[in-house]
Amino acid sequence: QVQFVESGGGLVQPGGSLRLSCAASGSAFSILAWGWYRQAPGKQRELVAYITSNGHTTYVDSVKGRFTISRDNGKNTVYLQMASLNAEDTAVYLCNTHPVPYVYWGQGTQVTVSS
């Protein structure tokens, strides 16, 4: 069973930065594409960014130029560097495979942007 452990969230002021990490179990990490998703209260979960097995990255328009997704296959870890955060970025952030998320999700990590 694949498991994901997200970390790095917290409370940050508008304009601040955070770096999220997602440690994934399983031997297929390096051949899979991975995505960061987020779910804000009362809203549907949305894909924020994803990275393919060869390192190609794609972002949703609302985070382009502010977020950077990366991966370390040696550590089975996916990262999301977030900058210029604003209140609309407040959500629980989760990682999973892309384009078809694995059936089980991790707990996610809470990001709250507030002054």
N, C-alpha and C. Protein backbone atom coordinates (compact mmCIF):
# COMPACT_ATOMS: atom_id res chain seq x y z
N GLN A 1 0.84 -1.18 0.00
CA GLN A 1 0.00 0.00 0.00
C GLN A 1 0.88 1.25 0.00
N VAL A 2 0.60 2.16 -0.90
CA VAL A 2 1.36 3.40 -0.98
C VAL A 2 0.87 4.36 0.10
N GLN A 3 1.80 5.02 0.73
CA GLN A 3 1.46 6.02 1.74
C GLN A 3 2.17 7.33 1.44
N PHE A 4 1.50 8.42 1.78
CA PHE A 4 2.06 9.75 1.59
C PHE A 4 2.07 10.48 2.92
N VAL A 5 3.16 11.16 3.21
CA VAL A 5 3.25 11.95 4.43
C VAL A 5 3.66 13.36 4.04
N GLU A 6 2.71 14.28 4.15
CA GLU A 6 2.96 15.68 3.82
C GLU A 6 3.39 16.45 5.06
N SER A 7 4.25 17.43 4.87
CA SER A 7 4.72 18.24 5.99
C SER A 7 5.15 19.61 5.47
N GLY A 8 5.37 20.51 6.41
CA GLY A 8 5.91 21.82 6.06
C GLY A 8 4.91 22.96 6.10
N GLY A 9 3.65 22.65 6.34
CA GLY A 9 2.65 23.72 6.39
C GLY A 9 2.76 24.54 7.67
N GLY A 10 1.92 25.56 7.75
CA GLY A 10 1.91 26.39 8.93
C GLY A 10 1.18 27.69 8.67
N LEU A 11 1.33 28.60 9.62
CA LEU A 11 0.73 29.93 9.52
C LEU A 11 1.78 30.90 8.99
N VAL A 12 1.43 31.62 7.97
CA VAL A 12 2.37 32.55 7.35
C VAL A 12 1.64 33.84 6.99
N GLN A 13 2.33 34.94 7.05
CA GLN A 13 1.73 36.22 6.69
C GLN A 13 1.63 36.38 5.18
N PRO A 14 0.71 37.18 4.71
CA PRO A 14 0.64 37.45 3.27
C PRO A 14 1.98 37.91 2.73
N GLY A 15 2.35 37.36 1.58
CA GLY A 15 3.65 37.67 1.00
C GLY A 15 4.76 36.74 1.43
N GLY A 16 4.46 35.89 2.39
CA GLY A 16 5.46 34.96 2.91
C GLY A 16 5.67 33.73 2.05
N SER A 17 6.55 32.86 2.54
CA SER A 17 6.91 31.65 1.79
C SER A 17 6.87 30.42 2.69
N LEU A 18 6.64 29.28 2.06
CA LEU A 18 6.70 27.99 2.73
C LEU A 18 7.22 26.96 1.76
N ARG A 19 7.81 25.91 2.29
CA ARG A 19 8.23 24.78 1.47
C ARG A 19 7.58 23.52 2.02
N LEU A 20 6.76 22.90 1.19
CA LEU A 20 6.09 21.67 1.58
C LEU A 20 6.86 20.47 1.07
N SER A 21 6.78 19.37 1.84
CA SER A 21 7.42 18.12 1.44
C SER A 21 6.39 17.00 1.47
N CYS A 22 6.58 16.04 0.60
CA CYS A 22 5.72 14.86 0.56
C CYS A 22 6.61 13.64 0.40
N ALA A 23 6.67 12.83 1.44
CA ALA A 23 7.44 11.59 1.39
C ALA A 23 6.50 10.46 1.04
N ALA A 24 6.84 9.73 -0.01
CA ALA A 24 5.98 8.64 -0.49
C ALA A 24 6.67 7.31 -0.36
N SER A 25 5.93 6.31 0.01
CA SER A 25 6.47 4.97 0.07
C SER A 25 6.28 4.27 -1.26
N GLY A 26 6.90 3.11 -1.44
CA GLY A 26 6.73 2.36 -2.67
C GLY A 26 7.93 2.45 -3.58
N SER A 27 8.10 1.43 -4.41
CA SER A 27 9.28 1.34 -5.26
C SER A 27 9.09 1.99 -6.62
N ALA A 28 7.87 2.44 -6.92
CA ALA A 28 7.60 2.98 -8.25
C ALA A 28 7.69 4.50 -8.30
N PHE A 29 8.18 5.11 -7.25
CA PHE A 29 8.15 6.58 -7.15
C PHE A 29 8.73 7.24 -8.39
N SER A 30 9.90 6.80 -8.82
CA SER A 30 10.63 7.52 -9.86
C SER A 30 9.96 7.45 -11.23
N ILE A 31 9.11 6.50 -11.47
CA ILE A 31 8.51 6.37 -12.80
C ILE A 31 7.12 7.00 -12.87
N LEU A 32 6.69 7.56 -11.77
CA LEU A 32 5.36 8.16 -11.70
C LEU A 32 5.41 9.68 -11.77
N ALA A 33 4.32 10.26 -12.27
CA ALA A 33 4.14 11.70 -12.16
C ALA A 33 3.44 11.99 -10.84
N TRP A 34 3.81 13.12 -10.23
CA TRP A 34 3.28 13.46 -8.91
C TRP A 34 2.66 14.85 -8.94
N GLY A 35 1.60 14.99 -8.17
CA GLY A 35 0.93 16.28 -8.11
C GLY A 35 0.76 16.75 -6.68
N TRP A 36 0.70 18.07 -6.55
CA TRP A 36 0.27 18.70 -5.31
C TRP A 36 -1.15 19.20 -5.53
N TYR A 37 -2.01 18.86 -4.60
CA TYR A 37 -3.41 19.25 -4.64
C TYR A 37 -3.69 20.09 -3.39
N ARG A 38 -4.79 20.84 -3.44
CA ARG A 38 -5.19 21.56 -2.24
C ARG A 38 -6.70 21.59 -2.14
N GLN A 39 -7.16 21.66 -0.90
CA GLN A 39 -8.60 21.74 -0.65
C GLN A 39 -8.86 22.80 0.40
N ALA A 40 -9.56 23.83 0.00
CA ALA A 40 -9.94 24.90 0.92
C ALA A 40 -11.32 24.58 1.49
N PRO A 41 -11.64 25.14 2.67
CA PRO A 41 -12.95 24.88 3.27
C PRO A 41 -14.10 25.22 2.33
N GLY A 42 -15.01 24.28 2.16
CA GLY A 42 -16.17 24.51 1.31
C GLY A 42 -15.91 24.44 -0.17
N LYS A 43 -14.69 24.08 -0.56
CA LYS A 43 -14.36 24.02 -1.98
C LYS A 43 -13.90 22.62 -2.36
N GLN A 44 -13.97 22.34 -3.65
CA GLN A 44 -13.50 21.05 -4.13
C GLN A 44 -11.98 21.01 -4.17
N ARG A 45 -11.46 19.82 -4.05
CA ARG A 45 -10.02 19.64 -4.17
C ARG A 45 -9.57 20.01 -5.57
N GLU A 46 -8.45 20.71 -5.68
CA GLU A 46 -7.95 21.10 -6.99
C GLU A 46 -6.47 20.76 -7.11
N LEU A 47 -6.09 20.46 -8.34
CA LEU A 47 -4.69 20.20 -8.64
C LEU A 47 -3.97 21.54 -8.76
N VAL A 48 -2.88 21.69 -8.04
CA VAL A 48 -2.12 22.93 -8.04
C VAL A 48 -0.95 22.87 -9.02
N ALA A 49 -0.25 21.74 -9.00
CA ALA A 49 0.93 21.58 -9.86
C ALA A 49 1.23 20.10 -9.97
N TYR A 50 1.91 19.73 -11.07
CA TYR A 50 2.37 18.35 -11.14
C TYR A 50 3.71 18.30 -11.86
N ILE A 51 4.42 17.21 -11.61
CA ILE A 51 5.74 17.02 -12.21
C ILE A 51 5.80 15.59 -12.76
N THR A 52 6.27 15.48 -13.99
CA THR A 52 6.34 14.17 -14.63
C THR A 52 7.61 13.43 -14.21
N SER A 53 7.73 12.20 -14.67
CA SER A 53 8.89 11.39 -14.30
C SER A 53 10.18 11.99 -14.85
N ASN A 54 10.10 12.75 -15.95
CA ASN A 54 11.31 13.35 -16.51
C ASN A 54 11.49 14.80 -16.09
N GLY A 55 10.67 15.24 -15.14
CA GLY A 55 10.86 16.56 -14.56
C GLY A 55 10.09 17.69 -15.17
N HIS A 56 9.24 17.41 -16.14
CA HIS A 56 8.42 18.46 -16.73
C HIS A 56 7.36 18.91 -15.73
N THR A 57 7.18 20.22 -15.59
CA THR A 57 6.25 20.75 -14.58
C THR A 57 5.11 21.54 -15.22
N THR A 58 3.96 21.51 -14.56
CA THR A 58 2.79 22.25 -14.99
C THR A 58 2.10 22.82 -13.76
N TYR A 59 1.58 24.06 -13.92
CA TYR A 59 0.96 24.76 -12.79
C TYR A 59 -0.42 25.29 -13.18
N VAL A 60 -1.29 25.36 -12.20
CA VAL A 60 -2.56 26.04 -12.41
C VAL A 60 -2.27 27.54 -12.48
N ASP A 61 -3.07 28.28 -13.24
CA ASP A 61 -2.78 29.69 -13.50
C ASP A 61 -2.60 30.51 -12.23
N SER A 62 -3.38 30.20 -11.21
CA SER A 62 -3.37 31.02 -9.99
C SER A 62 -2.05 30.95 -9.22
N VAL A 63 -1.20 29.97 -9.50
CA VAL A 63 0.06 29.85 -8.76
C VAL A 63 1.28 30.00 -9.66
N LYS A 64 1.08 30.17 -10.94
CA LYS A 64 2.22 30.31 -11.87
C LYS A 64 3.10 31.48 -11.45
N GLY A 65 4.38 31.26 -11.44
CA GLY A 65 5.33 32.29 -11.07
C GLY A 65 5.54 32.42 -9.57
N ARG A 66 4.71 31.74 -8.79
CA ARG A 66 4.84 31.83 -7.32
C ARG A 66 5.22 30.48 -6.70
N PHE A 67 4.74 29.39 -7.27
CA PHE A 67 5.00 28.06 -6.74
C PHE A 67 5.96 27.30 -7.66
N THR A 68 6.78 26.45 -7.04
CA THR A 68 7.69 25.60 -7.80
C THR A 68 7.63 24.18 -7.26
N ILE A 69 7.31 23.23 -8.12
CA ILE A 69 7.28 21.83 -7.73
C ILE A 69 8.58 21.17 -8.16
N SER A 70 9.09 20.29 -7.32
CA SER A 70 10.31 19.57 -7.65
C SER A 70 10.25 18.19 -7.01
N ARG A 71 11.20 17.36 -7.38
CA ARG A 71 11.21 15.99 -6.87
C ARG A 71 12.63 15.52 -6.62
N ASP A 72 12.78 14.61 -5.66
CA ASP A 72 14.06 13.96 -5.39
C ASP A 72 13.78 12.47 -5.38
N ASN A 73 14.10 11.80 -6.49
CA ASN A 73 13.79 10.37 -6.59
C ASN A 73 14.59 9.54 -5.60
N GLY A 74 15.76 10.00 -5.24
CA GLY A 74 16.57 9.27 -4.27
C GLY A 74 15.96 9.26 -2.88
N LYS A 75 15.12 10.26 -2.61
CA LYS A 75 14.46 10.35 -1.30
C LYS A 75 12.97 10.06 -1.38
N ASN A 76 12.49 9.68 -2.56
CA ASN A 76 11.04 9.44 -2.72
C ASN A 76 10.23 10.63 -2.20
N THR A 77 10.66 11.83 -2.55
CA THR A 77 10.03 13.03 -1.99
C THR A 77 9.72 14.04 -3.08
N VAL A 78 8.55 14.65 -2.95
CA VAL A 78 8.13 15.73 -3.83
C VAL A 78 8.03 17.00 -2.98
N TYR A 79 8.45 18.11 -3.55
CA TYR A 79 8.45 19.38 -2.83
C TYR A 79 7.54 20.40 -3.54
N LEU A 80 7.05 21.34 -2.76
CA LEU A 80 6.34 22.48 -3.32
C LEU A 80 6.85 23.73 -2.61
N GLN A 81 7.63 24.51 -3.33
CA GLN A 81 8.12 25.78 -2.81
C GLN A 81 7.08 26.83 -3.15
N MET A 82 6.58 27.52 -2.12
CA MET A 82 5.52 28.51 -2.33
C MET A 82 6.01 29.88 -1.89
N ALA A 83 5.80 30.87 -2.72
CA ALA A 83 6.20 32.24 -2.41
C ALA A 83 5.05 33.19 -2.70
N SER A 84 5.19 34.43 -2.19
CA SER A 84 4.15 35.46 -2.40
C SER A 84 2.77 34.92 -2.05
N LEU A 85 2.68 34.27 -0.93
CA LEU A 85 1.42 33.64 -0.54
C LEU A 85 0.37 34.70 -0.23
N ASN A 86 -0.89 34.35 -0.53
CA ASN A 86 -2.00 35.22 -0.21
C ASN A 86 -3.12 34.40 0.42
N ALA A 87 -4.15 35.08 0.88
CA ALA A 87 -5.22 34.43 1.63
C ALA A 87 -5.89 33.32 0.81
N GLU A 88 -5.93 33.49 -0.50
CA GLU A 88 -6.57 32.48 -1.36
C GLU A 88 -5.79 31.18 -1.41
N ASP A 89 -4.56 31.19 -0.93
CA ASP A 89 -3.75 29.97 -0.90
C ASP A 89 -4.02 29.13 0.36
N THR A 90 -4.80 29.66 1.27
CA THR A 90 -5.13 28.93 2.49
C THR A 90 -5.91 27.66 2.16
N ALA A 91 -5.37 26.52 2.59
CA ALA A 91 -5.99 25.23 2.27
C ALA A 91 -5.18 24.11 2.92
N VAL A 92 -5.72 22.92 2.87
CA VAL A 92 -4.95 21.72 3.18
C VAL A 92 -4.29 21.26 1.89
N TYR A 93 -3.00 21.07 1.93
CA TYR A 93 -2.24 20.66 0.74
C TYR A 93 -1.91 19.17 0.85
N LEU A 94 -2.15 18.46 -0.23
CA LEU A 94 -1.92 17.03 -0.28
C LEU A 94 -1.16 16.66 -1.54
N CYS A 95 -0.45 15.56 -1.47
CA CYS A 95 0.21 15.07 -2.68
C CYS A 95 -0.39 13.72 -3.05
N ASN A 96 -0.24 13.40 -4.31
CA ASN A 96 -0.71 12.11 -4.81
C ASN A 96 -0.18 11.95 -6.23
N THR A 97 -0.39 10.79 -6.78
CA THR A 97 0.04 10.55 -8.16
C THR A 97 -0.84 11.34 -9.13
N HIS A 98 -0.36 11.50 -10.33
CA HIS A 98 -1.05 12.25 -11.38
C HIS A 98 -0.86 11.52 -12.69
N PRO A 99 -1.87 11.46 -13.58
CA PRO A 99 -3.16 12.13 -13.50
C PRO A 99 -4.23 11.38 -12.71
N VAL A 100 -3.96 10.14 -12.38
CA VAL A 100 -4.96 9.37 -11.63
C VAL A 100 -4.47 9.23 -10.20
N PRO A 101 -5.07 9.95 -9.27
CA PRO A 101 -4.62 9.85 -7.88
C PRO A 101 -4.82 8.45 -7.32
N TYR A 102 -3.88 8.04 -6.50
CA TYR A 102 -4.01 6.78 -5.79
C TYR A 102 -5.24 6.86 -4.91
N VAL A 103 -5.89 5.73 -4.67
CA VAL A 103 -7.17 5.73 -3.97
C VAL A 103 -7.05 6.27 -2.54
N TYR A 104 -5.90 6.04 -1.91
CA TYR A 104 -5.74 6.52 -0.54
C TYR A 104 -4.97 7.84 -0.54
N TRP A 105 -5.42 8.77 0.29
CA TRP A 105 -4.78 10.07 0.43
C TRP A 105 -4.14 10.18 1.81
N GLY A 106 -3.09 11.00 1.89
CA GLY A 106 -2.50 11.28 3.18
C GLY A 106 -3.34 12.28 3.95
N GLN A 107 -2.83 12.70 5.10
CA GLN A 107 -3.55 13.65 5.95
C GLN A 107 -3.44 15.08 5.42
N GLY A 108 -2.42 15.32 4.64
CA GLY A 108 -2.21 16.67 4.13
C GLY A 108 -1.52 17.54 5.17
N THR A 109 -1.18 18.74 4.76
CA THR A 109 -0.57 19.71 5.65
C THR A 109 -1.29 21.05 5.48
N GLN A 110 -1.65 21.65 6.59
CA GLN A 110 -2.45 22.88 6.56
C GLN A 110 -1.57 24.10 6.30
N VAL A 111 -1.97 24.88 5.34
CA VAL A 111 -1.33 26.17 5.07
C VAL A 111 -2.36 27.26 5.32
N THR A 112 -2.02 28.17 6.22
CA THR A 112 -2.91 29.28 6.54
C THR A 112 -2.16 30.58 6.32
N VAL A 113 -2.71 31.42 5.45
CA VAL A 113 -2.11 32.71 5.14
C VAL A 113 -2.98 33.78 5.77
N SER A 114 -2.42 34.44 6.77
CA SER A 114 -3.20 35.43 7.50
C SER A 114 -2.26 36.39 8.22
N SER A 115 -2.70 37.63 8.35
CA SER A 115 -1.93 38.60 9.11
C SER A 115 -2.39 38.64 10.56
